[in-house]
Protein backbone atom coordinates (compact mmCIF):
# COMPACT_ATOMS: atom_id res chain seq x y z
CA MET A 1 -29.54 -10.82 1.80
CA ILE A 2 -26.11 -8.77 2.35
CA ASN A 3 -22.92 -10.57 2.70
CA ILE A 4 -20.20 -10.14 4.47
CA LYS A 5 -16.91 -11.56 2.92
CA THR A 6 -14.84 -13.78 4.69
CA PRO A 7 -11.06 -13.12 4.74
CA ARG A 8 -10.49 -15.96 2.43
CA GLU A 9 -13.22 -14.32 -0.10
CA ILE A 10 -11.92 -11.13 0.13
CA GLU A 11 -8.43 -12.55 -1.05
CA LEU A 12 -9.74 -13.91 -3.95
CA MET A 13 -11.90 -11.26 -5.01
CA ARG A 14 -8.39 -8.98 -5.00
CA VAL A 15 -7.29 -11.63 -7.57
CA ALA A 16 -10.48 -11.40 -9.55
CA GLY A 17 -10.28 -7.76 -9.50
CA GLU A 18 -6.74 -6.91 -10.63
CA ILE A 19 -7.43 -9.50 -13.09
CA VAL A 20 -10.12 -6.61 -14.41
CA GLY A 21 -8.01 -3.62 -13.69
CA ASP A 22 -5.18 -5.13 -15.86
CA THR A 23 -7.65 -5.92 -18.65
CA HIS A 24 -8.68 -2.48 -18.65
CA LYS A 25 -4.70 -1.54 -18.71
CA TYR A 26 -3.85 -4.21 -21.33
CA LEU A 27 -6.60 -2.91 -23.82
CA ILE A 28 -6.22 0.77 -23.89
CA PRO A 29 -3.20 0.56 -26.69
CA TYR A 30 -6.04 -1.21 -28.88
CA LEU A 31 -8.50 1.38 -28.36
CA LYS A 32 -7.93 3.53 -31.91
CA PRO A 33 -9.98 4.31 -34.84
CA GLY A 34 -11.00 1.15 -37.05
CA ILE A 35 -10.88 -1.72 -34.76
CA THR A 36 -14.08 -3.33 -34.18
CA THR A 37 -15.74 -3.97 -31.01
CA LYS A 38 -15.60 -8.05 -31.64
CA GLU A 39 -11.68 -7.47 -31.99
CA ILE A 40 -11.53 -6.04 -28.48
CA ASP A 41 -13.93 -8.37 -27.01
CA SER A 42 -11.46 -11.09 -28.44
CA LEU A 43 -8.30 -9.51 -26.96
CA ALA A 44 -10.35 -9.30 -23.50
CA ARG A 45 -11.38 -12.85 -23.36
CA ASP A 46 -7.58 -14.17 -24.27
CA TYR A 47 -6.20 -11.63 -21.55
CA ILE A 48 -8.88 -12.94 -18.66
CA THR A 49 -8.28 -16.75 -19.76
CA LYS A 50 -4.53 -16.13 -19.65
CA ARG A 51 -4.94 -14.81 -16.40
CA GLY A 52 -6.47 -18.05 -15.13
CA ALA A 53 -10.17 -16.77 -14.87
CA THR A 54 -12.90 -16.54 -17.07
CA PRO A 55 -15.38 -13.62 -18.27
CA SER A 56 -18.13 -13.25 -16.34
CA CYS A 57 -20.30 -11.56 -18.57
CA TYR A 58 -20.10 -14.44 -21.57
CA ASN A 59 -23.80 -16.49 -21.59
CA TYR A 60 -24.80 -14.48 -18.40
CA ASN A 61 -28.69 -14.80 -18.36
CA GLY A 62 -27.93 -15.36 -22.47
CA TYR A 63 -25.25 -12.44 -23.08
CA PRO A 64 -23.23 -13.27 -26.32
CA GLY A 65 -20.25 -11.27 -25.56
CA ASN A 66 -17.31 -11.70 -23.12
CA ILE A 67 -17.38 -8.11 -21.72
CA CYS A 68 -20.08 -5.19 -22.70
CA ILE A 69 -18.67 -2.72 -25.08
CA SER A 70 -20.93 0.59 -25.67
CA VAL A 71 -20.26 3.12 -27.84
CA ASN A 72 -21.46 6.82 -27.79
CA GLU A 73 -25.38 7.13 -26.79
CA GLU A 74 -25.09 3.24 -25.63
CA VAL A 75 -25.47 3.36 -22.06
CA VAL A 76 -24.73 -0.56 -21.21
CA HIS A 77 -24.60 -4.30 -22.40
CA GLY A 78 -23.75 -3.06 -25.94
CA ILE A 79 -23.02 -6.27 -27.86
CA PRO A 80 -19.60 -6.45 -29.44
CA GLY A 81 -19.66 -7.01 -33.14
CA ASP A 82 -18.11 -5.76 -36.77
CA ARG A 83 -19.03 -2.17 -35.53
CA LYS A 84 -15.42 -0.02 -35.92
CA LEU A 85 -14.72 2.56 -33.55
CA CYS A 86 -13.84 6.25 -35.41
CA ASP A 87 -12.33 9.12 -34.44
CA GLY A 88 -14.47 11.44 -31.96
CA ASP A 89 -16.24 8.24 -30.14
CA ILE A 90 -16.12 7.16 -26.82
CA VAL A 91 -16.32 3.58 -25.66
CA THR A 92 -17.14 1.85 -22.63
CA LEU A 93 -15.58 -1.27 -21.83
CA ASP A 94 -17.54 -3.36 -18.80
CA ILE A 95 -15.40 -5.79 -17.74
CA CYS A 96 -15.97 -8.63 -15.44
CA ALA A 97 -13.64 -11.59 -14.58
CA CYS A 98 -14.34 -14.86 -12.46
CA TYR A 99 -11.48 -16.09 -10.54
CA LYS A 100 -12.32 -19.14 -8.63
CA GLY A 101 -15.95 -18.61 -8.24
CA TYR A 102 -15.47 -14.99 -7.28
CA HIS A 103 -16.10 -12.03 -9.18
CA GLY A 104 -14.58 -8.41 -10.37
CA ASP A 105 -16.37 -5.50 -11.88
CA SER A 106 -15.29 -2.38 -13.45
CA ALA A 107 -16.46 -0.19 -16.34
CA TRP A 108 -14.55 2.67 -17.61
CA SER A 109 -15.26 5.13 -20.56
CA TYR A 110 -12.50 5.95 -23.03
CA PRO A 111 -12.22 8.85 -25.64
CA ILE A 112 -11.16 7.45 -29.62
CA GLY A 113 -8.83 9.86 -30.80
CA ASN A 114 -10.11 13.44 -31.06
CA VAL A 115 -13.64 13.71 -29.19
CA SER A 116 -15.48 16.76 -28.65
CA GLU A 117 -15.44 19.19 -25.71
CA GLU A 118 -18.86 18.13 -24.75
CA LYS A 119 -17.36 14.39 -24.72
CA HIS A 120 -14.53 15.66 -22.96
CA TYR A 121 -16.53 17.35 -20.58
CA LEU A 122 -19.17 14.34 -19.86
CA LEU A 123 -16.21 12.07 -19.35
CA LYS A 124 -14.27 14.05 -16.59
CA HIS A 125 -17.32 14.64 -14.81
CA THR A 126 -19.12 11.11 -14.70
CA GLU A 127 -15.07 9.92 -13.72
CA GLU A 128 -15.62 12.60 -10.97
CA SER A 129 -19.09 11.79 -9.79
CA LEU A 130 -17.73 8.08 -8.99
CA TYR A 131 -15.30 9.41 -6.78
CA LYS A 132 -17.60 11.48 -5.13
CA GLY A 133 -19.61 8.71 -4.45
CA LEU A 134 -16.69 6.18 -3.52
CA ASN A 135 -15.73 9.35 -0.77
CA GLU A 136 -18.87 8.65 1.42
CA VAL A 137 -18.10 4.85 1.47
CA LYS A 138 -16.95 3.38 4.85
CA ALA A 139 -18.61 1.09 7.48
CA GLY A 140 -21.39 2.80 9.34
CA ALA A 141 -22.47 4.96 6.19
CA ARG A 142 -25.45 3.95 4.18
CA ILE A 143 -26.26 3.42 0.59
CA GLY A 144 -28.33 6.46 -0.36
CA ASP A 145 -24.98 8.60 1.14
CA ILE A 146 -23.55 7.26 -2.14
CA GLY A 147 -26.15 8.03 -4.44
CA TYR A 148 -26.84 11.51 -2.76
CA ALA A 149 -23.21 12.41 -3.68
CA ILE A 150 -23.13 11.29 -7.34
CA GLU A 151 -26.64 12.78 -7.85
CA ASN A 152 -25.84 15.96 -6.68
CA TYR A 153 -22.57 16.32 -8.29
CA CYS A 154 -23.90 15.47 -11.68
CA LYS A 155 -26.98 17.83 -11.46
CA GLU A 156 -24.46 20.62 -10.51
CA HIS A 157 -22.77 20.22 -14.02
CA ASN A 158 -26.01 19.72 -15.78
CA LEU A 159 -25.78 15.98 -16.76
CA GLY A 160 -28.47 13.51 -16.66
CA VAL A 161 -28.39 10.40 -13.93
CA VAL A 162 -29.65 7.12 -15.40
CA LYS A 163 -32.06 5.72 -12.65
CA GLU A 164 -32.74 2.58 -14.48
CA LEU A 165 -29.77 0.85 -13.99
CA VAL A 166 -27.93 0.77 -10.52
CA GLY A 167 -24.73 -0.57 -8.81
CA HIS A 168 -24.70 -3.73 -6.48
CA GLY A 169 -23.18 -5.85 -4.26
CA ILE A 170 -20.71 -8.52 -5.67
CA GLY A 171 -18.99 -11.51 -4.68
CA ASN A 172 -19.56 -15.50 -5.70
CA HIS A 173 -22.50 -13.82 -7.58
CA LEU A 174 -21.82 -11.20 -10.35
CA HIS A 175 -24.78 -9.10 -9.04
CA GLU A 176 -25.90 -9.56 -5.40
CA GLN A 177 -27.51 -7.31 -2.76
CA PRO A 178 -27.57 -4.62 -2.06
CA ASP A 179 -28.92 -2.10 -5.09
CA VAL A 180 -26.44 0.92 -5.18
CA PRO A 181 -28.23 3.67 -7.08
CA ASN A 182 -26.65 6.85 -8.15
CA TYR A 183 -29.25 8.74 -6.54
CA GLY A 184 -31.02 8.67 -3.03
CA LYS A 185 -31.14 10.83 -0.18
CA LYS A 186 -28.68 10.95 2.60
CA ASN A 187 -29.18 8.73 5.66
CA THR A 188 -31.35 6.25 3.79
CA GLY A 189 -31.03 2.74 2.74
CA PRO A 190 -28.80 -0.21 3.91
CA ILE A 191 -25.99 0.22 6.24
CA LEU A 192 -22.63 -0.22 4.87
CA LYS A 193 -20.43 -2.93 7.01
CA GLU A 194 -17.13 -3.62 7.25
CA GLY A 195 -16.16 -6.60 4.90
CA MET A 196 -19.26 -6.02 2.50
CA VAL A 197 -18.21 -5.58 -1.18
CA ILE A 198 -19.92 -3.26 -3.46
CA ALA A 199 -19.63 -1.94 -7.06
CA VAL A 200 -20.55 1.62 -7.43
CA GLU A 201 -20.91 2.63 -11.13
CA PRO A 202 -22.45 5.85 -11.94
CA MET A 203 -24.21 5.78 -15.69
CA ILE A 204 -24.51 9.79 -16.74
CA ASN A 205 -25.87 10.91 -19.64
CA LEU A 206 -25.05 14.04 -21.36
CA GLY A 207 -28.42 14.89 -22.06
CA THR A 208 -31.71 13.59 -21.05
CA ALA A 209 -31.57 10.80 -18.02
CA ASP A 210 -34.33 8.90 -20.05
CA VAL A 211 -33.29 5.77 -21.71
CA TYR A 212 -34.76 2.99 -23.58
CA LEU A 213 -33.57 -0.95 -24.48
CA LEU A 214 -32.69 -1.62 -27.91
CA ASP A 215 -34.30 -4.82 -29.89
CA ASP A 216 -31.54 -6.68 -28.95
CA ASP A 217 -32.65 -6.90 -25.57
CA TRP A 218 -29.52 -6.12 -24.22
CA THR A 219 -28.14 -2.57 -25.36
CA VAL A 220 -29.64 0.38 -23.51
CA VAL A 221 -29.23 3.86 -25.21
CA THR A 222 -30.40 7.24 -24.41
CA ALA A 223 -33.51 8.58 -25.50
CA ASP A 224 -32.12 11.79 -27.50
CA ASP A 225 -29.37 9.80 -28.93
CA GLN A 226 -26.56 12.11 -26.83
CA PRO A 227 -23.53 10.19 -25.63
CA SER A 228 -23.44 8.34 -22.16
CA ALA A 229 -20.37 7.89 -19.89
CA HIS A 230 -20.11 4.89 -17.22
CA PHE A 231 -17.38 4.60 -14.80
CA GLU A 232 -17.25 1.69 -12.28
CA HIS A 233 -14.83 0.29 -9.36
CA THR A 234 -15.53 -2.85 -7.23
CA VAL A 235 -14.73 -1.74 -3.68
CA LEU A 236 -14.28 -3.74 -0.01
CA ILE A 237 -15.79 -1.57 2.50
CA THR A 238 -13.27 -0.93 5.28
CA LYS A 239 -13.63 0.30 9.13
CA ASP A 240 -12.54 3.95 7.95
CA GLY A 241 -13.15 3.68 4.11
CA TYR A 242 -12.98 1.59 0.84
CA GLU A 243 -10.33 -0.63 -0.54
CA ILE A 244 -10.50 -0.36 -4.41
CA LEU A 245 -10.38 -4.18 -5.86
CA THR A 246 -10.27 -3.15 -9.57
CA LYS A 247 -7.21 -0.70 -9.42
CA ARG A 248 -6.26 0.50 -12.81
């Protein structure tokens, strides 16, 4: 069932989204060679809680971290630990916060120090693919329009579109209907309606689109060990377009 949010729910989600966006901004100065992913996770937890929210990811289906931190070939759901970021890495922070029962969700990939031209290319075009998808968002459009725009752009730039992982509706549950794939056909899928809130999140690989799950049962990595990038915003569907709730 796809939920249309009430004005009160939308206001709470605006606050949750603002906290998520601000958490990203807060963490950026710390993203330097030598910091561990566990240290980043702790900084995120402390900031989110100080803002009166809770980390949505913590213990979600047993997930042990407060945010998901994925490095280089890790596509999503990397578990924070003792790994230190190194010059030339790219790191994805997938941050979710719950405020008074409602969630915000935004992932962003960052370069650490001096990254290769290939990684810059991946970051640039994955971020752009997010906005290509968002350009299709408005009341009366269809979910397939979003996925088609993302997939078409990434294919033009010879990048691999992960199909096993998708965006989603969001509200008083972190993951709700509808699924929002990063591939598809125009004029297919559920119709977007004013008051719906969805998370659009292309997960794009420099090489093959194929991925697999590590033995920790969380971390998804690329099949060819090439780097992956992930950009995501939570957006409210409006009559004429969309409102980004997780502004950075």
